[in-house]
Protein backbone atom coordinates (compact mmCIF):
# COMPACT_ATOMS: atom_id res chain seq x y z
CA UNK A 1 -9.78 12.40 -13.04
CA UNK A 2 -9.17 14.33 -9.83
CA UNK A 3 -8.47 18.06 -9.69
CA UNK A 4 -4.73 17.86 -9.62
CA UNK A 5 -4.62 15.56 -12.62
CA UNK A 6 -6.80 18.00 -14.56
CA UNK A 7 -4.30 20.73 -13.78
CA UNK A 8 -1.40 18.48 -14.71
CA UNK A 9 -2.93 17.78 -18.09
CA UNK A 10 -4.28 21.31 -18.67
CA UNK A 11 -0.81 22.77 -18.22
CA UNK A 12 2.06 20.89 -19.76
CA UNK A 13 2.66 18.31 -17.04
CA UNK A 14 6.07 18.19 -15.45
CA UNK A 15 7.63 14.91 -14.45
CA UNK A 16 8.65 13.41 -11.17
CA UNK A 17 9.95 9.90 -10.68
CA UNK A 18 9.31 6.95 -8.40
CA UNK A 19 11.22 3.88 -7.25
CA UNK A 20 9.79 1.23 -4.92
CA UNK A 21 11.83 -0.92 -2.52
CA UNK A 22 10.32 -3.96 -0.79
CA UNK A 23 11.71 -5.82 2.22
CA UNK A 24 10.34 -8.61 4.37
CA UNK A 25 9.19 -7.75 7.87
CA UNK A 26 10.24 -11.26 8.89
CA UNK A 27 13.94 -11.16 8.07
CA UNK A 28 14.77 -7.75 6.51
CA UNK A 29 15.57 -9.44 3.20
CA UNK A 30 14.51 -8.00 -0.16
CA UNK A 31 11.20 -9.16 -1.63
CA UNK A 32 11.84 -10.20 -5.24
CA UNK A 33 9.33 -10.97 -7.99
CA UNK A 34 6.62 -8.69 -6.58
CA UNK A 35 4.08 -7.07 -8.89
CA UNK A 36 3.12 -3.43 -8.38
CA UNK A 37 0.22 -1.74 -10.16
CA UNK A 38 0.21 2.06 -10.20
CA UNK A 39 -2.93 4.12 -10.75
CA UNK A 40 -4.09 7.66 -10.10
CA UNK A 41 -5.49 7.94 -6.59
CA UNK A 42 -9.25 8.01 -7.00
CA UNK A 43 -9.12 6.08 -10.28
CA UNK A 44 -7.99 2.65 -9.06
CA UNK A 45 -9.22 0.69 -12.09
CA UNK A 46 -7.09 2.67 -14.54
CA UNK A 47 -3.65 1.03 -14.32
CA UNK A 48 -0.91 3.36 -15.50
CA UNK A 49 2.10 1.13 -14.92
CA UNK A 50 2.93 -2.44 -13.90
CA UNK A 51 6.31 -2.89 -12.22
CA UNK A 52 8.23 -5.87 -10.84
CA UNK A 53 10.95 -6.07 -8.20
CA UNK A 54 14.40 -7.52 -8.89
CA UNK A 55 16.58 -9.65 -6.60
CA UNK A 56 17.29 -6.54 -4.48
CA UNK A 57 13.56 -5.94 -3.95
CA UNK A 58 13.66 -2.88 -6.19
CA UNK A 59 11.68 -1.68 -9.16
CA UNK A 60 13.08 0.36 -11.98
CA UNK A 61 12.68 4.11 -11.62
CA UNK A 62 9.72 5.40 -13.64
CA UNK A 63 8.56 8.89 -14.54
CA UNK A 64 5.09 10.10 -13.57
CA UNK A 65 3.18 13.30 -14.25
CA UNK A 66 3.35 16.02 -11.61
CA UNK A 67 2.06 19.60 -11.32
CA UNK A 68 4.22 22.60 -12.28
CA UNK A 69 7.30 23.14 -10.13
CA UNK A 70 6.17 26.66 -9.21
CA UNK A 71 3.28 25.25 -7.17
CA UNK A 72 5.71 23.93 -4.53
CA UNK A 73 7.97 27.00 -4.56
CA UNK A 74 5.47 29.88 -4.32
CA UNK A 75 3.43 30.15 -1.10
CA UNK A 76 0.91 32.39 -2.84
CA UNK A 77 -0.20 29.54 -5.11
CA UNK A 78 -2.85 27.44 -3.41
CA UNK A 79 -3.02 24.62 -5.97
CA UNK A 80 -1.95 21.17 -4.78
CA UNK A 81 1.75 20.97 -5.72
CA UNK A 82 2.03 17.18 -5.98
CA UNK A 83 0.10 14.48 -7.79
CA UNK A 84 -1.19 11.41 -5.94
CA UNK A 85 -0.84 7.81 -7.02
CA UNK A 86 -2.02 4.52 -5.58
CA UNK A 87 0.20 1.43 -5.39
CA UNK A 88 -1.15 -2.09 -5.19
CA UNK A 89 1.61 -4.53 -4.30
CA UNK A 90 1.46 -8.32 -4.43
CA UNK A 91 4.26 -10.82 -3.81
CA UNK A 92 4.21 -14.62 -3.42
CA UNK A 93 4.02 -15.58 0.24
CA UNK A 94 3.23 -12.07 1.49
CA UNK A 95 0.14 -10.09 2.36
CA UNK A 96 -0.70 -7.61 -0.35
CA UNK A 97 -0.29 -3.91 0.38
CA UNK A 98 -2.21 -0.93 -0.97
CA UNK A 99 -0.91 2.61 -0.50
CA UNK A 100 -3.11 5.49 -1.65
CA UNK A 101 -1.80 9.03 -1.89
CA UNK A 102 1.87 8.52 -2.78
CA UNK A 103 3.06 12.09 -3.41
CA UNK A 104 4.94 12.81 -6.63
CA UNK A 105 6.61 16.21 -6.92
CA UNK A 106 8.19 17.45 -10.15
CA UNK A 107 11.95 17.19 -10.78
CA UNK A 108 12.65 14.93 -7.76
CA UNK A 109 12.60 11.19 -7.21
CA UNK A 110 10.12 9.70 -4.73
CA UNK A 111 11.39 6.64 -2.85
CA UNK A 112 8.70 4.28 -1.55
CA UNK A 113 9.99 1.75 0.96
CA UNK A 114 7.48 -0.94 1.93
CA UNK A 115 7.78 -3.65 4.56
CA UNK A 116 5.86 -6.77 3.51
CA UNK A 117 4.38 -9.15 6.09
CA UNK A 118 4.35 -12.91 5.39
CA UNK A 119 0.84 -14.15 4.66
CA UNK A 120 -0.82 -16.75 6.85
CA UNK A 121 -2.83 -19.65 5.50
CA UNK A 122 -6.26 -18.45 6.62
CA UNK A 123 -6.97 -16.63 3.39
CA UNK A 124 -6.18 -13.50 1.41
CA UNK A 125 -5.49 -10.34 3.39
CA UNK A 126 -4.34 -6.85 2.55
CA UNK A 127 -2.83 -3.95 4.43
CA UNK A 128 -4.24 -0.61 3.31
CA UNK A 129 -2.55 2.73 3.93
CA UNK A 130 -4.01 6.11 3.00
CA UNK A 131 -1.51 8.96 3.04
CA UNK A 132 -3.10 12.22 4.25
CA UNK A 133 -2.37 15.64 2.78
CA UNK A 134 1.05 17.22 3.15
CA UNK A 135 1.18 19.57 6.15
CA UNK A 136 1.91 22.58 3.92
CA UNK A 137 -1.18 21.85 1.83
CA UNK A 138 -3.67 20.35 4.27
CA UNK A 139 -4.98 21.78 7.54
CA UNK A 140 -3.34 20.57 10.76
CA UNK A 141 -3.30 21.79 14.37
CA UNK A 142 -0.68 24.44 15.08
CA UNK A 143 2.21 23.57 17.41
CA UNK A 144 1.46 24.27 21.06
CA UNK A 145 4.41 26.43 22.20
CA UNK A 146 6.87 24.91 24.66
CA UNK A 147 10.10 26.06 26.26
CA UNK A 148 12.99 25.23 23.92
CA UNK A 149 15.11 24.12 26.90
CA UNK A 150 13.58 21.71 29.39
CA UNK A 151 14.19 21.93 33.15
CA UNK A 152 16.38 18.99 34.00
CA UNK A 153 17.03 19.09 37.74
CA UNK A 154 13.74 20.01 39.35
CA UNK A 155 11.83 16.74 39.03
CA UNK A 156 14.59 14.32 39.89
CA UNK A 157 13.59 12.23 36.87
CA UNK A 158 16.29 10.22 35.17
CA UNK A 159 17.47 11.58 31.83
CA UNK A 160 20.30 10.53 29.57
CA UNK A 161 23.77 11.58 30.66
CA UNK A 162 24.81 12.37 27.09
CA UNK A 163 23.25 13.00 23.71
CA UNK A 164 22.74 9.66 21.97
CA UNK A 165 21.29 9.04 18.51
CA UNK A 166 18.92 6.11 19.06
CA UNK A 167 18.67 3.19 16.69
CA UNK A 168 14.87 3.24 16.94
CA UNK A 169 12.30 5.60 18.34
CA UNK A 170 8.74 4.75 19.33
CA UNK A 171 6.21 6.94 17.52
CA UNK A 172 2.71 7.25 18.98
CA UNK A 173 0.47 7.79 15.94
CA UNK A 174 -1.89 10.29 17.55
CA UNK A 175 -2.03 12.81 20.37
CA UNK A 176 -0.35 11.80 23.65
CA UNK A 177 -3.57 11.00 25.51
CA UNK A 178 -5.15 9.01 22.67
CA UNK A 179 -4.85 5.51 24.09
CA UNK A 180 -6.32 3.99 20.91
CA UNK A 181 -3.44 5.24 18.75
CA UNK A 182 -0.87 2.67 17.70
CA UNK A 183 2.81 2.81 18.63
CA UNK A 184 5.35 2.18 15.85
CA UNK A 185 9.02 1.24 16.25
CA UNK A 186 10.79 3.30 13.59
CA UNK A 187 14.47 3.57 12.67
CA UNK A 188 15.65 7.03 13.66
CA UNK A 189 16.89 8.04 10.20
CA UNK A 190 13.72 6.73 8.55
CA UNK A 191 11.66 8.77 11.02
CA UNK A 192 13.53 11.97 10.14
CA UNK A 193 13.21 11.32 6.38
CA UNK A 194 9.48 10.65 6.79
CA UNK A 195 8.86 13.83 8.83
CA UNK A 196 10.91 16.04 6.51
CA UNK A 197 9.03 14.66 3.49
CA UNK A 198 5.72 15.28 5.29
CA UNK A 199 6.50 18.85 6.39
CA UNK A 200 8.59 20.52 3.69
CA UNK A 201 8.71 20.16 -0.08
CA UNK A 202 11.57 18.15 -1.54
CA UNK A 203 11.85 20.67 -4.40
CA UNK A 204 13.17 23.37 -2.04
CA UNK A 205 16.82 24.57 -2.04
CA UNK A 206 19.34 22.15 -0.55
CA UNK A 207 20.34 24.43 2.33
CA UNK A 208 16.67 25.00 3.18
CA UNK A 209 16.25 21.23 3.41
CA UNK A 210 19.39 21.03 5.57
CA UNK A 211 18.12 23.70 7.96
CA UNK A 212 14.75 22.00 8.35
CA UNK A 213 16.29 18.54 8.79
CA UNK A 214 18.56 19.92 11.53
CA UNK A 215 15.57 21.51 13.29
CA UNK A 216 13.57 18.26 13.07
CA UNK A 217 16.50 16.20 14.40
CA UNK A 218 17.27 18.58 17.25
CA UNK A 219 13.62 18.63 18.34
CA UNK A 220 13.47 14.82 18.18
CA UNK A 221 16.74 14.34 20.09
CA UNK A 222 15.45 16.72 22.77
CA UNK A 223 12.50 14.37 23.24
CA UNK A 224 14.92 11.43 23.40
CA UNK A 225 17.41 13.13 25.74
CA UNK A 226 14.85 14.44 28.22
CA UNK A 227 12.72 11.26 27.98
CA UNK A 228 9.88 13.75 27.80
CA UNK A 229 6.93 11.42 27.36
CA UNK A 230 8.31 8.52 29.40
CA UNK A 231 8.64 10.88 32.37
CA UNK A 232 4.90 11.52 32.01
CA UNK A 233 4.20 7.80 32.21
CA UNK A 234 3.84 7.11 28.48
CA UNK A 235 5.65 4.30 26.68
CA UNK A 236 6.70 6.19 23.55
CA UNK A 237 9.35 8.69 22.44
CA UNK A 238 7.33 11.12 20.36
CA UNK A 239 3.90 11.57 18.78
CA UNK A 240 2.68 12.15 15.23
CA UNK A 241 0.48 15.06 16.30
CA UNK A 242 1.50 18.45 14.89
CA UNK A 243 0.10 20.12 18.01
CA UNK A 244 2.77 18.40 20.10
CA UNK A 245 5.52 17.15 17.80
CA UNK A 246 5.95 16.48 14.07
CA UNK A 247 3.83 14.87 11.40
CA UNK A 248 4.92 11.29 10.81
CA UNK A 249 2.88 9.08 8.47
CA UNK A 250 3.08 5.26 8.27
CA UNK A 251 4.38 4.03 4.88
CA UNK A 252 4.66 7.46 3.30
CA UNK A 253 7.32 7.99 0.63
CA UNK A 254 10.35 10.21 0.95
CA UNK A 255 12.63 11.79 -1.66
CA UNK A 256 16.11 11.63 -3.14
CA UNK A 257 16.78 15.27 -2.19
CA UNK A 258 15.99 14.63 1.48
CA UNK A 259 17.33 11.12 2.09
CA UNK A 260 21.07 11.80 1.47
CA UNK A 261 20.98 14.94 3.61
CA UNK A 262 19.59 12.94 6.54
CA UNK A 263 22.20 10.21 5.94
CA UNK A 264 24.91 12.88 6.09
CA UNK A 265 23.63 14.88 9.08
CA UNK A 266 21.89 12.23 11.20
CA UNK A 267 24.25 12.52 14.20
CA UNK A 268 23.87 16.33 14.38
CA UNK A 269 21.61 18.51 16.49
CA UNK A 270 21.33 22.18 17.45
CA UNK A 271 22.68 23.59 20.68
CA UNK A 272 23.28 26.81 22.56
CA UNK A 273 26.37 27.62 24.65
CA UNK A 274 26.24 26.13 28.12
CA UNK A 275 23.19 23.97 27.36
CA UNK A 276 23.79 20.23 27.26
CA UNK A 277 20.43 19.15 25.82
CA UNK A 278 19.54 19.46 22.12
CA UNK A 279 17.37 22.54 21.56
CA UNK A 280 13.64 21.95 21.04
CA UNK A 281 13.56 23.83 17.72
CA UNK A 282 9.91 24.59 17.00
CA UNK A 283 8.63 26.03 13.73
CA UNK A 284 5.48 26.72 11.71
CA UNK A 285 4.61 27.03 8.04
CA UNK A 286 4.56 30.84 7.84
CA UNK A 287 1.56 30.94 5.51
CA UNK A 288 -1.39 29.42 7.39
CA UNK A 289 0.23 29.95 10.81
CA UNK A 290 2.64 32.64 12.05
CA UNK A 291 5.10 32.01 14.89
CA UNK A 292 7.35 34.86 16.09
CA UNK A 293 10.84 33.72 17.22
CA UNK A 294 10.47 30.35 15.47
CA UNK A 295 11.55 29.33 12.01
CA UNK A 296 8.88 29.45 9.32
CA UNK A 297 9.14 26.80 6.64
CA UNK A 298 8.12 29.04 3.74
CA UNK A 299 10.47 31.71 5.04
CA UNK A 300 13.31 29.20 5.14
CA UNK A 301 12.58 28.38 1.50
CA UNK A 302 12.86 32.05 0.57
CA UNK A 303 16.15 32.43 2.45
CA UNK A 304 17.53 29.32 0.75
CA UNK A 305 16.60 30.78 -2.63
CA UNK A 306 18.52 33.93 -1.62
CA UNK A 307 21.66 31.86 -1.00
CA UNK A 308 21.59 31.59 2.79
CA UNK A 309 23.44 28.56 4.20
CA UNK A 310 21.71 26.16 6.59
CA UNK A 311 23.27 27.69 9.71
CA UNK A 312 22.49 31.21 8.44
CA UNK A 313 18.85 30.23 7.98
CA UNK A 314 18.70 28.76 11.48
CA UNK A 315 20.40 31.77 13.09
CA UNK A 316 18.09 34.16 11.20
CA UNK A 317 15.19 32.65 13.15
CA UNK A 318 16.68 31.29 16.37
CA UNK A 319 19.50 33.77 17.01
CA UNK A 320 23.26 33.96 16.51
CA UNK A 321 24.06 31.71 19.48
CA UNK A 322 22.66 28.61 17.75
CA UNK A 323 25.29 26.03 16.83
CA UNK A 324 25.42 22.66 15.10
CA UNK A 325 26.66 19.95 17.47
CA UNK A 326 27.37 16.23 17.08
CA UNK A 327 25.99 13.46 19.29
CA UNK A 328 28.51 11.60 21.42
CA UNK A 329 27.12 8.19 20.62
CA UNK A 330 25.15 6.35 17.94
CA UNK A 331 23.21 3.31 19.13
CA UNK A 332 22.99 -0.01 17.32
CA UNK A 333 26.21 0.37 15.32
CA UNK A 334 28.88 -2.36 15.61
CA UNK A 335 31.77 0.07 15.17
CA UNK A 336 32.04 3.78 14.60
CA UNK A 337 33.21 5.43 11.38
CA UNK A 338 37.03 5.49 11.23
CA UNK A 339 37.03 9.27 10.82
CA UNK A 340 38.20 9.27 7.20
CA UNK A 341 36.96 7.89 3.89
CA UNK A 342 37.98 4.36 2.91
CA UNK A 343 39.13 4.08 -0.70
CA UNK A 344 41.53 2.13 -2.93
CA UNK A 345 44.77 1.43 -1.07
CA UNK A 346 43.30 1.64 2.44
CA UNK A 347 44.17 -1.28 4.74
CA UNK A 348 43.49 -2.44 8.26
CA UNK A 349 40.83 -3.70 10.62
CA UNK A 350 38.20 -1.14 9.59
CA UNK A 351 38.49 -2.25 5.96
CA UNK A 352 38.24 -5.90 6.99
CA UNK A 353 35.21 -5.27 9.17
CA UNK A 354 33.47 -3.41 6.33
CA UNK A 355 34.29 -6.26 3.91
CA UNK A 356 32.87 -8.85 6.33
CA UNK A 357 29.69 -6.82 6.74
CA UNK A 358 29.27 -6.52 2.96
CA UNK A 359 29.65 -10.30 2.63
CA UNK A 360 26.93 -10.86 5.25
CA UNK A 361 24.65 -8.44 3.39
CA UNK A 362 25.42 -10.27 0.12
CA UNK A 363 23.79 -13.36 1.65
CA UNK A 364 20.49 -11.45 1.54
CA UNK A 365 21.14 -9.32 -1.56
CA UNK A 366 22.42 -11.64 -4.31
CA UNK A 367 23.19 -8.73 -6.65
CA UNK A 368 25.99 -7.77 -4.26
CA UNK A 369 29.25 -9.62 -5.08
CA UNK A 370 31.15 -11.42 -2.33
CA UNK A 371 34.73 -10.29 -1.74
CA UNK A 372 37.81 -11.45 0.15
CA UNK A 373 37.77 -10.00 3.67
CA UNK A 374 41.53 -9.41 3.62
CA UNK A 375 41.65 -5.88 5.03
CA UNK A 376 42.86 -4.47 1.71
CA UNK A 377 40.69 -2.01 -0.23
CA UNK A 378 41.25 -3.22 -3.78
CA UNK A 379 39.27 -3.04 -7.04
CA UNK A 380 36.87 -5.86 -6.02
CA UNK A 381 36.03 -4.09 -2.76
CA UNK A 382 35.50 -0.81 -4.59
CA UNK A 383 33.15 -2.53 -7.07
CA UNK A 384 31.18 -4.16 -4.22
CA UNK A 385 30.87 -0.82 -2.41
CA UNK A 386 29.69 0.86 -5.61
CA UNK A 387 27.05 -1.84 -6.09
CA UNK A 388 25.93 -1.51 -2.45
CA UNK A 389 25.60 2.26 -2.89
CA UNK A 390 23.51 1.84 -6.05
CA UNK A 391 21.16 -0.59 -4.30
CA UNK A 392 20.66 1.61 -1.26
CA UNK A 393 20.30 4.99 -2.93
CA UNK A 394 23.71 6.47 -2.15
CA UNK A 395 26.00 8.19 -4.68
CA UNK A 396 27.79 5.26 -6.36
CA UNK A 397 31.37 6.48 -5.83
CA UNK A 398 32.89 3.23 -4.58
CA UNK A 399 34.24 5.19 -1.59
CA UNK A 400 33.12 4.39 1.96
CA UNK A 401 32.34 7.85 3.29
CA UNK A 402 30.40 8.70 6.46
CA UNK A 403 26.88 8.01 5.07
CA UNK A 404 28.02 4.79 3.36
CA UNK A 405 29.77 3.44 6.49
CA UNK A 406 26.63 3.87 8.58
CA UNK A 407 24.31 2.54 5.86
CA UNK A 408 26.46 -0.62 5.59
CA UNK A 409 26.31 -0.95 9.40
CA UNK A 410 22.55 -0.41 9.46
CA UNK A 411 21.81 -3.00 6.76
CA UNK A 412 24.30 -5.45 8.29
CA UNK A 413 22.64 -5.17 11.70
CA UNK A 414 19.20 -5.69 10.18
CA UNK A 415 20.22 -8.75 8.19
CA UNK A 416 22.51 -10.40 10.77
CA UNK A 417 20.28 -9.73 13.77
CA UNK A 418 17.45 -11.67 12.18
CA UNK A 419 19.84 -14.43 11.10
CA UNK A 420 20.95 -14.89 14.73
CA UNK A 421 17.35 -15.45 15.80
CA UNK A 422 16.79 -18.26 13.30
């Protein structure tokens, strides 16, 4: 038993929860009938749970032991605030996957999304991922300070004419000059959820999470807008090195307290008056590293506990002339949100388009009922929306709000794009 498990059993263990979602890397469809064995990391032969995926590629949500909540809320406590579990995943027709170090925090739900690769016929193979320590617990290089606003006119390099939220970003999993590091194509929202889960604790106050998510997104969109690395001759958007950018970890889990905030805020960034580019909002942890004039993550937790709003937290650190702005464009989306929630009684082309997209998704997710694409938001449409929301981790209201509209679009694009290639 590793140290954290001894602590979890010595104190009365608290509980976190875990749900696993599997999709095929070949066609974005759910992987059903997979078997997942869960063990403590470091004790792989002691199986704690065996789970199976349903027709939506999902397991049930299970509870797992976690350390006391206080460990992740008090910077003076140096004990590891999360427990670590290993997943071994097998599915017919796919390479098996092993993920060691899945981080379970108390009181929150961990969401583990896994992309499965079809197996070839040459023999058994397995992908192995080892999740390193959380940045607030482990030791990582401190951020090298940069100007928060990049010179745009001196070099003559081409930059974007407007702020655009990309569909994907290319993450270089290492420092910029490490030519051996792999590049990953990552959906923008998934990147933000991954970084936030790697750099703050999901047990923190909601407005603290919001402030940190906004800072992460603004920093990332500055890299996108200025084409920072491409203008240096690199073929990626951002790195996973904490000295240069943010910590991003392949196949790490994220959390149900972080995911919906990213879904709600993903088109936002931080700006200052008269500055077109998103602000490069840098920060540090505030315990191991101090950073005057930047936000500290532990400090933002304290302010959130005192009742500060997200913008109040950000202005506390970055000044009163910091504002939340909205990107002019979102890439990879067939049609933009209508600007109001769709609910029972709504009619028109936006309703019809949403119904058609749900029917396309239902071809890949059989738990989703098919509906008449008649442009009328009736009880059947509301039930289908509610089922979609439950499958994809959104509040199951049956109302197509901003996060639901863009999640439907995202899943539709993933499923239909692959279908067009076949």
